């Protein structure tokens, strides 16, 4: 009977320790979890550098594509049937149909 009472006392002490230490332990675990993800997580401090590099790369690509689009828009405007640029039309006809004026000499580049 004495050993049974000691077991009950030890169990009671153990539960008391768990009750007292439970809340701080949970708080430390929660802080550790959020701290880990704030630094090493997919949106953490270390991932921010990679996002910055990707942003710069995409902005450079956007600038290149925007310049290309402006050039194409200008070319389309020059080919508008209502107000076509004669030099542009002449260039396209020569390029697409492989034609030349009788007084021209064609020098192949290759």
PDB file of N, CA and C in Angstrom:
ATOM      1  N   UNK A   1       0.818  -1.191   0.000  1.00  0.00           N
ATOM      2  CA  UNK A   1       0.000   0.000   0.000  1.00  0.00           C
ATOM      3  C   UNK A   1       0.867   1.262   0.000  1.00  0.00           C
ATOM      4  N   UNK A   2       1.969   1.198   0.682  1.00  0.00           N
ATOM      5  CA  UNK A   2       2.861   2.341   0.770  1.00  0.00           C
ATOM      6  C   UNK A   2       3.441   2.644  -0.618  1.00  0.00           C
ATOM      7  N   UNK A   3       3.803   1.622  -1.340  1.00  0.00           N
ATOM      8  CA  UNK A   3       4.356   1.834  -2.678  1.00  0.00           C
ATOM      9  C   UNK A   3       3.299   2.400  -3.614  1.00  0.00           C
ATOM     10  N   UNK A   4       2.064   1.995  -3.402  1.00  0.00           N
ATOM     11  CA  UNK A   4       0.980   2.517  -4.225  1.00  0.00           C
ATOM     12  C   UNK A   4       0.784   4.020  -3.963  1.00  0.00           C
ATOM     13  N   UNK A   5       0.880   4.439  -2.723  1.00  0.00           N
ATOM     14  CA  UNK A   5       0.737   5.844  -2.379  1.00  0.00           C
ATOM     15  C   UNK A   5       1.904   6.666  -2.930  1.00  0.00           C
ATOM     16  N   UNK A   6       3.102   6.073  -2.872  1.00  0.00           N
ATOM     17  CA  UNK A   6       4.262   6.765  -3.446  1.00  0.00           C
ATOM     18  C   UNK A   6       4.080   6.952  -4.961  1.00  0.00           C
ATOM     19  N   UNK A   7       3.535   5.942  -5.598  1.00  0.00           N
ATOM     20  CA  UNK A   7       3.302   6.028  -7.042  1.00  0.00           C
ATOM     21  C   UNK A   7       2.294   7.131  -7.352  1.00  0.00           C
ATOM     22  N   UNK A   8       1.265   7.234  -6.496  1.00  0.00           N
ATOM     23  CA  UNK A   8       0.264   8.280  -6.695  1.00  0.00           C
ATOM     24  C   UNK A   8       0.894   9.650  -6.480  1.00  0.00           C
ATOM     25  N   UNK A   9       1.739   9.791  -5.464  1.00  0.00           N
ATOM     26  CA  UNK A   9       2.412  11.061  -5.199  1.00  0.00           C
ATOM     27  C   UNK A   9       3.327  11.450  -6.356  1.00  0.00           C
ATOM     28  N   UNK A  10       4.085  10.465  -6.863  1.00  0.00           N
ATOM     29  CA  UNK A  10       4.986  10.740  -7.984  1.00  0.00           C
ATOM     30  C   UNK A  10       4.191  11.144  -9.225  1.00  0.00           C
ATOM     31  N   UNK A  11       3.068  10.471  -9.451  1.00  0.00           N
ATOM     32  CA  UNK A  11       2.232  10.806 -10.595  1.00  0.00           C
ATOM     33  C   UNK A  11       1.653  12.207 -10.417  1.00  0.00           C
ATOM     34  N   UNK A  12       1.244  12.536  -9.220  1.00  0.00           N
ATOM     35  CA  UNK A  12       0.713  13.863  -8.940  1.00  0.00           C
ATOM     36  C   UNK A  12       1.765  14.938  -9.128  1.00  0.00           C
ATOM     37  N   UNK A  13       3.001  14.675  -8.693  1.00  0.00           N
ATOM     38  CA  UNK A  13       4.093  15.627  -8.880  1.00  0.00           C
ATOM     39  C   UNK A  13       4.404  15.807 -10.371  1.00  0.00           C
ATOM     40  N   UNK A  14       4.413  14.676 -11.080  1.00  0.00           N
ATOM     41  CA  UNK A  14       4.681  14.724 -12.507  1.00  0.00           C
ATOM     42  C   UNK A  14       3.639  15.569 -13.229  1.00  0.00           C
ATOM     43  N   UNK A  15       2.389  15.381 -12.891  1.00  0.00           N
ATOM     44  CA  UNK A  15       1.310  16.169 -13.516  1.00  0.00           C
ATOM     45  C   UNK A  15       1.447  17.650 -13.167  1.00  0.00           C
ATOM     46  N   UNK A  16       1.840  17.934 -11.954  1.00  0.00           N
ATOM     47  CA  UNK A  16       2.008  19.327 -11.550  1.00  0.00           C
ATOM     48  C   UNK A  16       3.140  19.986 -12.339  1.00  0.00           C
ATOM     49  N   UNK A  17       4.219  19.261 -12.520  1.00  0.00           N
ATOM     50  CA  UNK A  17       5.347  19.794 -13.293  1.00  0.00           C
ATOM     51  C   UNK A  17       4.916  20.022 -14.738  1.00  0.00           C
ATOM     52  N   UNK A  18       4.191  19.071 -15.295  1.00  0.00           N
ATOM     53  CA  UNK A  18       3.717  19.203 -16.675  1.00  0.00           C
ATOM     54  C   UNK A  18       2.782  20.403 -16.800  1.00  0.00           C
ATOM     55  N   UNK A  19       1.900  20.591 -15.851  1.00  0.00           N
ATOM     56  CA  UNK A  19       0.985  21.736 -15.890  1.00  0.00           C
ATOM     57  C   UNK A  19       1.748  23.052 -15.840  1.00  0.00           C
ATOM     58  N   UNK A  20       2.754  23.138 -14.989  1.00  0.00           N
ATOM     59  CA  UNK A  20       3.519  24.372 -14.869  1.00  0.00           C
ATOM     60  C   UNK A  20       4.400  24.620 -16.084  1.00  0.00           C
ATOM     61  N   UNK A  21       4.958  23.588 -16.657  1.00  0.00           N
ATOM     62  CA  UNK A  21       5.898  23.745 -17.771  1.00  0.00           C
ATOM     63  C   UNK A  21       5.208  23.690 -19.130  1.00  0.00           C
ATOM     64  N   UNK A  22       3.970  23.290 -19.181  1.00  0.00           N
ATOM     65  CA  UNK A  22       3.279  23.098 -20.460  1.00  0.00           C
ATOM     66  C   UNK A  22       3.122  24.376 -21.262  1.00  0.00           C
ATOM     67  N   UNK A  23       2.605  25.411 -20.663  1.00  0.00           N
ATOM     68  CA  UNK A  23       2.369  26.669 -21.381  1.00  0.00           C
ATOM     69  C   UNK A  23       3.673  27.310 -21.871  1.00  0.00           C
ATOM     70  N   UNK A  24       4.691  27.438 -21.050  1.00  0.00           N
ATOM     71  CA  UNK A  24       5.953  27.990 -21.563  1.00  0.00           C
ATOM     72  C   UNK A  24       6.564  27.128 -22.677  1.00  0.00           C
ATOM     73  N   UNK A  25       6.429  25.829 -22.562  1.00  0.00           N
ATOM     74  CA  UNK A  25       6.953  24.936 -23.598  1.00  0.00           C
ATOM     75  C   UNK A  25       6.226  25.158 -24.909  1.00  0.00           C
ATOM     76  N   UNK A  26       4.917  25.257 -24.853  1.00  0.00           N
ATOM     77  CA  UNK A  26       4.141  25.519 -26.068  1.00  0.00           C
ATOM     78  C   UNK A  26       4.498  26.888 -26.667  1.00  0.00           C
ATOM     79  N   UNK A  27       4.703  27.875 -25.815  1.00  0.00           N
ATOM     80  CA  UNK A  27       5.070  29.209 -26.300  1.00  0.00           C
ATOM     81  C   UNK A  27       6.435  29.178 -26.990  1.00  0.00           C
ATOM     82  N   UNK A  28       7.393  28.467 -26.397  1.00  0.00           N
ATOM     83  CA  UNK A  28       8.724  28.357 -27.002  1.00  0.00           C
ATOM     84  C   UNK A  28       8.641  27.624 -28.337  1.00  0.00           C
ATOM     85  N   UNK A  29       7.849  26.570 -28.406  1.00  0.00           N
ATOM     86  CA  UNK A  29       7.680  25.835 -29.665  1.00  0.00           C
ATOM     87  C   UNK A  29       7.044  26.720 -30.741  1.00  0.00           C
ATOM     88  N   UNK A  30       6.036  27.489 -30.376  1.00  0.00           N
ATOM     89  CA  UNK A  30       5.375  28.366 -31.345  1.00  0.00           C
ATOM     90  C   UNK A  30       6.334  29.451 -31.840  1.00  0.00           C
ATOM     91  N   UNK A  31       7.089  30.049 -30.936  1.00  0.00           N
ATOM     92  CA  UNK A  31       8.055  31.079 -31.318  1.00  0.00           C
ATOM     93  C   UNK A  31       9.137  30.483 -32.220  1.00  0.00           C
ATOM     94  N   UNK A  32       9.610  29.292 -31.884  1.00  0.00           N
ATOM     95  CA  UNK A  32      10.622  28.626 -32.711  1.00  0.00           C
ATOM     96  C   UNK A  32      10.087  28.329 -34.102  1.00  0.00           C
ATOM     97  N   UNK A  33       8.864  27.839 -34.172  1.00  0.00           N
ATOM     98  CA  UNK A  33       8.248  27.513 -35.463  1.00  0.00           C
ATOM     99  C   UNK A  33       8.154  28.746 -36.351  1.00  0.00           C
ATOM    100  N   UNK A  34       7.594  29.829 -35.810  1.00  0.00           N
ATOM    101  CA  UNK A  34       7.439  31.038 -36.613  1.00  0.00           C
ATOM    102  C   UNK A  34       8.786  31.705 -36.914  1.00  0.00           C
ATOM    103  N   UNK A  35       9.732  31.618 -35.981  1.00  0.00           N
ATOM    104  CA  UNK A  35      11.066  32.156 -36.231  1.00  0.00           C
ATOM    105  C   UNK A  35      11.772  31.418 -37.360  1.00  0.00           C
ATOM    106  N   UNK A  36      11.642  30.096 -37.374  1.00  0.00           N
ATOM    107  CA  UNK A  36      12.233  29.289 -38.439  1.00  0.00           C
ATOM    108  C   UNK A  36      11.675  29.701 -39.797  1.00  0.00           C
ATOM    109  N   UNK A  37      10.366  29.805 -39.894  1.00  0.00           N
ATOM    110  CA  UNK A  37       9.764  30.166 -41.176  1.00  0.00           C
ATOM    111  C   UNK A  37      10.025  31.622 -41.556  1.00  0.00           C
ATOM    112  N   UNK A  38      10.237  32.482 -40.579  1.00  0.00           N
ATOM    113  CA  UNK A  38      10.549  33.881 -40.893  1.00  0.00           C
ATOM    114  C   UNK A  38      11.939  34.014 -41.520  1.00  0.00           C
ATOM    115  N   UNK A  39      12.846  33.115 -41.175  1.00  0.00           N
ATOM    116  CA  UNK A  39      14.202  33.189 -41.705  1.00  0.00           C
ATOM    117  C   UNK A  39      14.408  32.212 -42.861  1.00  0.00           C
ATOM    118  N   UNK A  40      14.025  30.970 -42.685  1.00  0.00           N
ATOM    119  CA  UNK A  40      14.343  29.925 -43.662  1.00  0.00           C
ATOM    120  C   UNK A  40      13.153  29.447 -44.475  1.00  0.00           C
ATOM    121  N   UNK A  41      11.985  29.940 -44.208  1.00  0.00           N
ATOM    122  CA  UNK A  41      10.787  29.472 -44.913  1.00  0.00           C
ATOM    123  C   UNK A  41      10.726  29.940 -46.353  1.00  0.00           C
ATOM    124  N   UNK A  42       9.704  29.517 -47.084  1.00  0.00           N
ATOM    125  CA  UNK A  42       9.592  29.882 -48.505  1.00  0.00           C
ATOM    126  C   UNK A  42       9.414  31.382 -48.739  1.00  0.00           C
ATOM    127  N   UNK A  43       8.941  32.106 -47.767  1.00  0.00           N
ATOM    128  CA  UNK A  43       8.804  33.564 -47.877  1.00  0.00           C
ATOM    129  C   UNK A  43       9.666  34.276 -46.846  1.00  0.00           C
ATOM    130  N   UNK A  44      10.708  33.616 -46.383  1.00  0.00           N
ATOM    131  CA  UNK A  44      11.559  34.170 -45.335  1.00  0.00           C
ATOM    132  C   UNK A  44      12.608  35.131 -45.857  1.00  0.00           C
ATOM    133  N   UNK A  45      13.471  35.525 -44.952  1.00  0.00           N
ATOM    134  CA  UNK A  45      14.505  36.508 -45.258  1.00  0.00           C
ATOM    135  C   UNK A  45      15.455  35.989 -46.335  1.00  0.00           C
ATOM    136  N   UNK A  46      15.833  34.735 -46.260  1.00  0.00           N
ATOM    137  CA  UNK A  46      16.766  34.185 -47.245  1.00  0.00           C
ATOM    138  C   UNK A  46      16.117  34.045 -48.618  1.00  0.00           C
ATOM    139  N   UNK A  47      14.832  33.780 -48.674  1.00  0.00           N
ATOM    140  CA  UNK A  47      14.132  33.666 -49.961  1.00  0.00           C
ATOM    141  C   UNK A  47      13.929  35.044 -50.586  1.00  0.00           C
ATOM    142  N   UNK A  48      13.936  36.087 -49.794  1.00  0.00           N
ATOM    143  CA  UNK A  48      13.744  37.448 -50.304  1.00  0.00           C
ATOM    144  C   UNK A  48      14.829  37.819 -51.312  1.00  0.00           C
ATOM    145  N   UNK A  49      16.052  37.382 -51.063  1.00  0.00           N
ATOM    146  CA  UNK A  49      17.150  37.671 -51.989  1.00  0.00           C
ATOM    147  C   UNK A  49      16.874  37.064 -53.358  1.00  0.00           C
ATOM    148  N   UNK A  50      16.409  35.831 -53.366  1.00  0.00           N
ATOM    149  CA  UNK A  50      16.105  35.165 -54.634  1.00  0.00           C
ATOM    150  C   UNK A  50      14.960  35.866 -55.355  1.00  0.00           C
ATOM    151  N   UNK A  51      13.959  36.293 -54.605  1.00  0.00           N
ATOM    152  CA  UNK A  51      12.847  37.033 -55.217  1.00  0.00           C
ATOM    153  C   UNK A  51      13.346  38.336 -55.847  1.00  0.00           C
ATOM    154  N   UNK A  52      14.284  38.999 -55.185  1.00  0.00           N
ATOM    155  CA  UNK A  52      14.836  40.244 -55.715  1.00  0.00           C
ATOM    156  C   UNK A  52      15.596  39.987 -57.012  1.00  0.00           C
ATOM    157  N   UNK A  53      16.392  38.904 -57.054  1.00  0.00           N
ATOM    158  CA  UNK A  53      17.123  38.567 -58.282  1.00  0.00           C
ATOM    159  C   UNK A  53      16.155  38.231 -59.415  1.00  0.00           C
ATOM    160  N   UNK A  54      15.121  37.473 -59.112  1.00  0.00           N
ATOM    161  CA  UNK A  54      14.132  37.128 -60.136  1.00  0.00           C
ATOM    162  C   UNK A  54      13.417  38.377 -60.645  1.00  0.00           C
ATOM    163  N   UNK A  55      13.101  39.300 -59.747  1.00  0.00           N
ATOM    164  CA  UNK A  55      12.437  40.538 -60.144  1.00  0.00           C
ATOM    165  C   UNK A  55      13.308  41.344 -61.103  1.00  0.00           C
ATOM    166  N   UNK A  56      14.591  41.480 -60.784  1.00  0.00           N
ATOM    167  CA  UNK A  56      15.495  42.227 -61.662  1.00  0.00           C
ATOM    168  C   UNK A  56      15.606  41.556 -63.026  1.00  0.00           C
ATOM    169  N   UNK A  57      15.686  40.241 -63.034  1.00  0.00           N
ATOM    170  CA  UNK A  57      15.783  39.493 -64.295  1.00  0.00           C
ATOM    171  C   UNK A  57      14.524  39.691 -65.133  1.00  0.00           C
ATOM    172  N   UNK A  58      13.371  39.609 -64.503  1.00  0.00           N
ATOM    173  CA  UNK A  58      12.112  39.761 -65.227  1.00  0.00           C
ATOM    174  C   UNK A  58      11.908  41.201 -65.706  1.00  0.00           C
ATOM    175  N   UNK A  59      12.374  42.173 -64.927  1.00  0.00           N
ATOM    176  CA  UNK A  59      12.264  43.567 -65.365  1.00  0.00           C
ATOM    177  C   UNK A  59      13.137  43.818 -66.589  1.00  0.00           C
ATOM    178  N   UNK A  60      14.318  43.224 -66.624  1.00  0.00           N
ATOM    179  CA  UNK A  60      15.184  43.366 -67.800  1.00  0.00           C
ATOM    180  C   UNK A  60      14.540  42.707 -69.015  1.00  0.00           C
ATOM    181  N   UNK A  61      13.957  41.530 -68.804  1.00  0.00           N
ATOM    182  CA  UNK A  61      13.273  40.844 -69.905  1.00  0.00           C
ATOM    183  C   UNK A  61      12.067  41.651 -70.380  1.00  0.00           C
ATOM    184  N   UNK A  62      11.335  42.238 -69.450  1.00  0.00           N
ATOM    185  CA  UNK A  62      10.184  43.067 -69.810  1.00  0.00           C
ATOM    186  C   UNK A  62      10.625  44.273 -70.633  1.00  0.00           C
ATOM    187  N   UNK A  63      11.729  44.904 -70.237  1.00  0.00           N
ATOM    188  CA  UNK A  63      12.226  46.075 -70.982  1.00  0.00           C
ATOM    189  C   UNK A  63      12.615  45.670 -72.398  1.00  0.00           C
ATOM    190  N   UNK A  64      13.266  44.511 -72.548  1.00  0.00           N
ATOM    191  CA  UNK A  64      13.645  44.034 -73.873  1.00  0.00           C
ATOM    192  C   UNK A  64      12.413  43.760 -74.726  1.00  0.00           C
ATOM    193  N   UNK A  65      11.426  43.088 -74.141  1.00  0.00           N
ATOM    194  CA  UNK A  65      10.204  42.780 -74.889  1.00  0.00           C
ATOM    195  C   UNK A  65       9.407  44.041 -75.214  1.00  0.00           C
ATOM    196  N   UNK A  66       9.427  44.999 -74.316  1.00  0.00           N
ATOM    197  CA  UNK A  66       8.719  46.255 -74.566  1.00  0.00           C
ATOM    198  C   UNK A  66       9.364  47.014 -75.724  1.00  0.00           C
ATOM    199  N   UNK A  67      10.696  46.992 -75.788  1.00  0.00           N
ATOM    200  CA  UNK A  67      11.402  47.632 -76.903  1.00  0.00           C
ATOM    201  C   UNK A  67      11.070  46.915 -78.213  1.00  0.00           C
ATOM    202  N   UNK A  68      11.066  45.597 -78.174  1.00  0.00           N
ATOM    203  CA  UNK A  68      10.737  44.813 -79.365  1.00  0.00           C
ATOM    204  C   UNK A  68       9.305  45.091 -79.820  1.00  0.00           C
ATOM    205  N   UNK A  69       8.399  45.202 -78.874  1.00  0.00           N
ATOM    206  CA  UNK A  69       7.005  45.494 -79.205  1.00  0.00           C
ATOM    207  C   UNK A  69       6.869  46.878 -79.846  1.00  0.00           C
ATOM    208  N   UNK A  70       7.612  47.849 -79.334  1.00  0.00           N
ATOM    209  CA  UNK A  70       7.570  49.199 -79.907  1.00  0.00           C
ATOM    210  C   UNK A  70       8.099  49.192 -81.345  1.00  0.00           C
ATOM    211  N   UNK A  71       9.165  48.423 -81.580  1.00  0.00           N
ATOM    212  CA  UNK A  71       9.698  48.317 -82.944  1.00  0.00           C
ATOM    213  C   UNK A  71       8.676  47.667 -83.882  1.00  0.00           C
ATOM    214  N   UNK A  72       8.017  46.626 -83.413  1.00  0.00           N
ATOM    215  CA  UNK A  72       7.006  45.952 -84.239  1.00  0.00           C
ATOM    216  C   UNK A  72       5.809  46.858 -84.495  1.00  0.00           C
ATOM    217  N   UNK A  73       5.415  47.602 -83.480  1.00  0.00           N
ATOM    218  CA  UNK A  73       4.298  48.526 -83.636  1.00  0.00           C
ATOM    219  C   UNK A  73       4.634  49.592 -84.691  1.00  0.00           C
ATOM    220  N   UNK A  74       5.868  50.073 -84.664  1.00  0.00           N
ATOM    221  CA  UNK A  74       6.314  51.052 -85.649  1.00  0.00           C
ATOM    222  C   UNK A  74       6.309  50.438 -87.051  1.00  0.00           C
ATOM    223  N   UNK A  75       6.776  49.213 -87.151  1.00  0.00           N
ATOM    224  CA  UNK A  75       6.806  48.533 -88.452  1.00  0.00           C
ATOM    225  C   UNK A  75       5.394  48.323 -88.996  1.00  0.00           C
ATOM    226  N   UNK A  76       4.471  47.952 -88.135  1.00  0.00           N
ATOM    227  CA  UNK A  76       3.076  47.775 -88.553  1.00  0.00           C
ATOM    228  C   UNK A  76       2.488  49.104 -89.016  1.00  0.00           C
ATOM    229  N   UNK A  77       2.809  50.164 -88.292  1.00  0.00           N
ATOM    230  CA  UNK A  77       2.303  51.482 -88.693  1.00  0.00           C
ATOM    231  C   UNK A  77       2.854  51.895 -90.058  1.00  0.00           C
ATOM    232  N   UNK A  78       4.093  51.531 -90.343  1.00  0.00           N
ATOM    233  CA  UNK A  78       4.680  51.858 -91.641  1.00  0.00           C
ATOM    234  C   UNK A  78       4.048  51.056 -92.778  1.00  0.00           C
ATOM    235  N   UNK A  79       3.487  49.891 -92.452  1.00  0.00           N
ATOM    236  CA  UNK A  79       2.874  49.045 -93.476  1.00  0.00           C
ATOM    237  C   UNK A  79       1.371  49.248 -93.592  1.00  0.00           C
ATOM    238  N   UNK A  80       0.831  50.210 -92.915  1.00  0.00           N
ATOM    239  CA  UNK A  80      -0.601  50.479 -92.981  1.00  0.00           C
ATOM    240  C   UNK A  80      -0.976  50.819 -94.429  1.00  0.00           C
ATOM    241  N   UNK A  81      -1.949  50.105 -95.025  1.00  0.00           N
ATOM    242  CA  UNK A  81      -2.293  50.337 -96.436  1.00  0.00           C
ATOM    243  C   UNK A  81      -2.752  51.767 -96.724  1.00  0.00           C
ATOM    244  N   UNK A  82      -3.321  52.436 -95.774  1.00  0.00           N
ATOM    245  CA  UNK A  82      -3.811  53.805 -96.003  1.00  0.00           C
ATOM    246  C   UNK A  82      -2.675  54.805 -96.141  1.00  0.00           C
ATOM    247  N   UNK A  83      -1.586  54.562 -95.455  1.00  0.00           N
ATOM    248  CA  UNK A  83      -0.457  55.494 -95.512  1.00  0.00           C
ATOM    249  C   UNK A  83       0.856  54.722 -95.422  1.00  0.00           C
ATOM    250  N   UNK A  84       1.078  53.827 -96.347  1.00  0.00           N
ATOM    251  CA  UNK A  84       2.274  52.991 -96.360  1.00  0.00           C
ATOM    252  C   UNK A  84       3.507  53.802 -96.739  1.00  0.00           C
ATOM    253  N   UNK A  85       4.603  53.482 -96.104  1.00  0.00           N
ATOM    254  CA  UNK A  85       5.874  54.112 -96.405  1.00  0.00           C
ATOM    255  C   UNK A  85       6.456  53.434 -97.652  1.00  0.00           C
ATOM    256  N   UNK A  86       6.721  54.164 -98.705  1.00  0.00           N
ATOM    257  CA  UNK A  86       7.214  53.547 -99.946  1.00  0.00           C
ATOM    258  C   UNK A  86       8.534  52.794 -99.763  1.00  0.00           C
ATOM    259  N   UNK A  87       9.418  53.304 -98.949  1.00  0.00           N
ATOM    260  CA  UNK A  87      10.694  52.620 -98.732  1.00  0.00           C
ATOM    261  C   UNK A  87      10.478  51.269 -98.043  1.00  0.00           C
ATOM    262  N   UNK A  88       9.566  51.222 -97.079  1.00  0.00           N
ATOM    263  CA  UNK A  88       9.286  49.981 -96.362  1.00  0.00           C
ATOM    264  C   UNK A  88       8.644  48.966 -97.296  1.00  0.00           C
ATOM    265  N   UNK A  89       7.715  49.418 -98.114  1.00  0.00           N
ATOM    266  CA  UNK A  89       7.059  48.523 -99.061  1.00  0.00           C
ATOM    267  C   UNK A  89       8.089  47.980-100.045  1.00  0.00           C
ATOM    268  N   UNK A  90       8.956  48.841-100.532  1.00  0.00           N
ATOM    269  CA  UNK A  90       9.998  48.423-101.465  1.00  0.00           C
ATOM    270  C   UNK A  90      10.918  47.383-100.818  1.00  0.00           C
ATOM    271  N   UNK A  91      11.310  47.618 -99.581  1.00  0.00           N
ATOM    272  CA  UNK A  91      12.176  46.683 -98.863  1.00  0.00           C
ATOM    273  C   UNK A  91      11.507  45.323 -98.697  1.00  0.00           C
ATOM    274  N   UNK A  92      10.238  45.312 -98.310  1.00  0.00           N
ATOM    275  CA  UNK A  92       9.523  44.045 -98.124  1.00  0.00           C
ATOM    276  C   UNK A  92       9.357  43.282 -99.432  1.00  0.00           C
ATOM    277  N   UNK A  93       9.029  43.990-100.508  1.00  0.00           N
ATOM    278  CA  UNK A  93       8.847  43.322-101.795  1.00  0.00           C
ATOM    279  C   UNK A  93      10.159  42.687-102.235  1.00  0.00           C
ATOM    280  N   UNK A  94      11.243  43.408-102.105  1.00  0.00           N
ATOM    281  CA  UNK A  94      12.547  42.870-102.502  1.00  0.00           C
ATOM    282  C   UNK A  94      12.921  41.653-101.658  1.00  0.00           C
ATOM    283  N   UNK A  95      12.652  41.734-100.380  1.00  0.00           N
ATOM    284  CA  UNK A  95      13.025  40.646 -99.478  1.00  0.00           C
ATOM    285  C   UNK A  95      12.178  39.405 -99.711  1.00  0.00           C
ATOM    286  N   UNK A  96      10.862  39.570 -99.809  1.00  0.00           N
ATOM    287  CA  UNK A  96       9.958  38.430 -99.921  1.00  0.00           C
ATOM    288  C   UNK A  96       9.939  37.813-101.316  1.00  0.00           C
ATOM    289  N   UNK A  97      10.045  38.627-102.338  1.00  0.00           N
ATOM    290  CA  UNK A  97       9.905  38.118-103.705  1.00  0.00           C
ATOM    291  C   UNK A  97      11.239  37.964-104.440  1.00  0.00           C
ATOM    292  N   UNK A  98      12.317  38.344-103.788  1.00  0.00           N
ATOM    293  CA  UNK A  98      13.639  38.261-104.414  1.00  0.00           C
ATOM    294  C   UNK A  98      13.680  38.981-105.763  1.00  0.00           C
ATOM    295  N   UNK A  99      13.250  40.196-105.773  1.00  0.00           N
ATOM    296  CA  UNK A  99      13.261  40.988-107.007  1.00  0.00           C
ATOM    297  C   UNK A  99      14.220  42.152-106.852  1.00  0.00           C
ATOM    298  N   UNK A 100      14.659  42.675-107.986  1.00  0.00           N
ATOM    299  CA  UNK A 100      15.555  43.825-108.005  1.00  0.00           C
ATOM    300  C   UNK A 100      15.246  44.650-109.242  1.00  0.00           C
ATOM    301  N   UNK A 101      15.629  45.915-109.203  1.00  0.00           N
ATOM    302  CA  UNK A 101      15.482  46.778-110.378  1.00  0.00           C
ATOM    303  C   UNK A 101      16.505  46.341-111.442  1.00  0.00           C
ATOM    304  N   UNK A 102      16.216  46.577-112.707  1.00  0.00           N
ATOM    305  CA  UNK A 102      17.152  46.166-113.758  1.00  0.00           C
ATOM    306  C   UNK A 102      18.522  46.834-113.659  1.00  0.00           C
ATOM    307  N   UNK A 103      18.599  48.015-113.071  1.00  0.00           N
ATOM    308  CA  UNK A 103      19.881  48.713-113.011  1.00  0.00           C
ATOM    309  C   UNK A 103      20.667  48.421-111.730  1.00  0.00           C
ATOM    310  N   UNK A 104      20.190  47.481-110.908  1.00  0.00           N
ATOM    311  CA  UNK A 104      20.861  47.154-109.654  1.00  0.00           C
ATOM    312  C   UNK A 104      21.752  45.927-109.811  1.00  0.00           C
ATOM    313  N   UNK A 105      22.804  45.912-109.015  1.00  0.00           N
ATOM    314  CA  UNK A 105      23.707  44.761-108.960  1.00  0.00           C
ATOM    315  C   UNK A 105      23.545  44.138-107.576  1.00  0.00           C
ATOM    316  N   UNK A 106      23.295  42.844-107.539  1.00  0.00           N
ATOM    317  CA  UNK A 106      23.099  42.137-106.252  1.00  0.00           C
ATOM    318  C   UNK A 106      24.394  41.437-105.897  1.00  0.00           C
ATOM    319  N   UNK A 107      24.870  41.711-104.680  1.00  0.00           N
ATOM    320  CA  UNK A 107      26.090  41.088-104.190  1.00  0.00           C
ATOM    321  C   UNK A 107      25.698  40.159-103.042  1.00  0.00           C
ATOM    322  N   UNK A 108      25.829  38.843-103.241  1.00  0.00           N
ATOM    323  CA  UNK A 108      25.475  37.912-102.163  1.00  0.00           C
ATOM    324  C   UNK A 108      26.466  38.011-101.001  1.00  0.00           C
ATOM    325  N   UNK A 109      25.958  37.931 -99.792  1.00  0.00           N
ATOM    326  CA  UNK A 109      26.807  38.047 -98.605  1.00  0.00           C
ATOM    327  C   UNK A 109      27.401  36.712 -98.193  1.00  0.00           C
ATOM    328  N   UNK A 110      26.881  35.638 -98.649  1.00  0.00           N
ATOM    329  CA  UNK A 110      27.401  34.313 -98.272  1.00  0.00           C
ATOM    330  C   UNK A 110      27.888  33.558 -99.460  1.00  0.00           C
TER     331      UNK A 110
END
